[in-house]
Amino acid sequence: MDQTTEIAFQIILHAGNGKSSVMEAIQEAKTGNFNRADQLVEEAGEELGKAHEYQTKLLHNEARGEGNIINVMLIHSQDHLMTSMTMRDLAIEIIEIYRNK
């Protein structure tokens, strides 16, 4: 397995963990458990940060002129990361709606 595919798997792993945490955070907010919801959003942020670090490695390689192999796995990983980041942003807003209800 090449380095780009290995990085893609790491991005998928951490982005997926982040997505799971924000979905759980919304469920906690529904039941009024805002401390836990906030904790889960923070955990999601940490996971998404890890995924973003892997993405940054790819960007640095590209900037140094070391081209990356663009494959379906890499594209898939980018979809996962961006979707999970968007879900985190929306979850924060949804949790605030529940909090102010």
Protein backbone atom coordinates (compact mmCIF):
# COMPACT_ATOMS: atom_id res chain seq x y z
CA MET A 1 0.00 0.00 0.00
CA ASP A 2 1.41 3.40 -0.91
CA GLN A 3 1.81 6.30 1.54
CA THR A 4 -1.08 8.29 0.04
CA THR A 5 -3.51 5.42 0.54
CA GLU A 6 -2.28 4.91 4.11
CA ILE A 7 -2.88 8.58 4.83
CA ALA A 8 -6.30 8.35 3.19
CA PHE A 9 -7.25 5.52 5.57
CA GLN A 10 -6.15 7.61 8.55
CA ILE A 11 -8.24 10.54 7.36
CA ILE A 12 -11.27 8.25 6.95
CA LEU A 13 -10.73 6.76 10.42
CA HIS A 14 -10.47 10.06 12.27
CA ALA A 15 -13.17 11.80 10.23
CA GLY A 16 -15.51 8.87 10.92
CA ASN A 17 -14.76 9.02 14.63
CA GLY A 18 -15.50 12.75 14.60
CA LYS A 19 -18.76 12.24 12.75
CA SER A 20 -19.87 9.56 15.21
CA SER A 21 -19.11 11.85 18.14
CA VAL A 22 -21.15 14.75 16.77
CA MET A 23 -24.10 12.50 16.01
CA GLU A 24 -23.96 11.21 19.58
CA ALA A 25 -23.65 14.81 20.82
CA ILE A 26 -26.91 15.75 19.11
CA GLN A 27 -28.64 12.78 20.76
CA GLU A 28 -27.31 13.86 24.16
CA ALA A 29 -28.58 17.39 23.58
CA LYS A 30 -32.02 16.01 22.74
CA THR A 31 -32.18 14.53 26.23
CA GLY A 32 -30.89 17.71 27.85
CA ASN A 33 -27.44 16.34 28.69
CA PHE A 34 -25.55 19.40 27.45
CA ASN A 35 -22.35 18.76 29.39
CA ARG A 36 -21.96 15.43 27.64
CA ALA A 37 -22.96 16.95 24.30
CA ASP A 38 -20.28 19.62 24.68
CA GLN A 39 -17.71 17.01 25.63
CA LEU A 40 -18.56 14.95 22.55
CA VAL A 41 -18.27 17.98 20.28
CA GLU A 42 -14.83 18.63 21.78
CA GLU A 43 -13.85 14.99 21.17
CA ALA A 44 -15.07 15.33 17.60
CA GLY A 45 -12.93 18.41 17.17
CA GLU A 46 -9.88 16.48 18.36
CA GLU A 47 -10.56 13.65 15.91
CA LEU A 48 -11.16 16.04 13.04
CA GLY A 49 -7.96 17.83 13.98
CA LYS A 50 -6.07 14.55 13.62
CA ALA A 51 -7.65 13.94 10.22
CA HIS A 52 -6.75 17.47 9.19
CA GLU A 53 -3.12 16.89 10.23
CA TYR A 54 -2.95 13.94 7.83
CA GLN A 55 -4.48 16.07 5.09
CA THR A 56 -1.88 18.75 5.81
CA LYS A 57 0.89 16.19 5.28
CA LEU A 58 -0.43 15.64 1.77
CA LEU A 59 -0.60 19.38 1.14
CA HIS A 60 2.98 19.85 2.33
CA ASN A 61 4.16 17.05 0.05
CA GLU A 62 2.42 18.72 -2.85
CA ALA A 63 3.93 22.12 -2.00
CA ARG A 64 7.42 20.57 -1.93
CA GLY A 65 6.86 19.24 -5.42
CA GLU A 66 6.39 15.67 -4.22
CA GLY A 67 3.23 14.77 -6.06
CA ASN A 68 0.67 12.57 -4.37
CA ILE A 69 -0.99 9.64 -6.04
CA ILE A 70 -4.58 10.70 -6.54
CA ASN A 71 -6.79 7.65 -6.20
CA VAL A 72 -10.39 6.95 -5.33
CA MET A 73 -9.46 6.23 -1.71
CA LEU A 74 -7.92 9.68 -1.33
CA ILE A 75 -10.94 11.36 -2.89
CA HIS A 76 -13.20 9.31 -0.61
CA SER A 77 -11.18 10.39 2.42
CA GLN A 78 -11.56 14.04 1.48
CA ASP A 79 -15.33 13.58 1.17
CA HIS A 80 -15.42 12.04 4.63
CA LEU A 81 -13.38 14.83 6.17
CA MET A 82 -15.33 17.70 4.66
CA THR A 83 -18.68 16.09 5.44
CA SER A 84 -17.65 15.42 9.02
CA MET A 85 -16.40 18.98 9.47
CA THR A 86 -19.68 20.33 8.14
CA MET A 87 -21.63 18.01 10.42
CA ARG A 88 -19.64 19.27 13.41
CA ASP A 89 -20.51 22.87 12.56
CA LEU A 90 -24.18 22.00 12.16
CA ALA A 91 -24.20 19.93 15.36
CA ILE A 92 -22.96 22.93 17.32
CA GLU A 93 -25.88 24.96 16.01
CA ILE A 94 -28.40 22.17 16.66
CA ILE A 95 -27.12 21.74 20.21
CA GLU A 96 -27.52 25.49 20.80
CA ILE A 97 -31.10 25.28 19.56
CA TYR A 98 -31.83 22.51 22.06
CA ARG A 99 -29.98 24.40 24.82
CA ASN A 100 -32.07 27.53 24.29
CA LYS A 101 -35.35 25.67 23.93
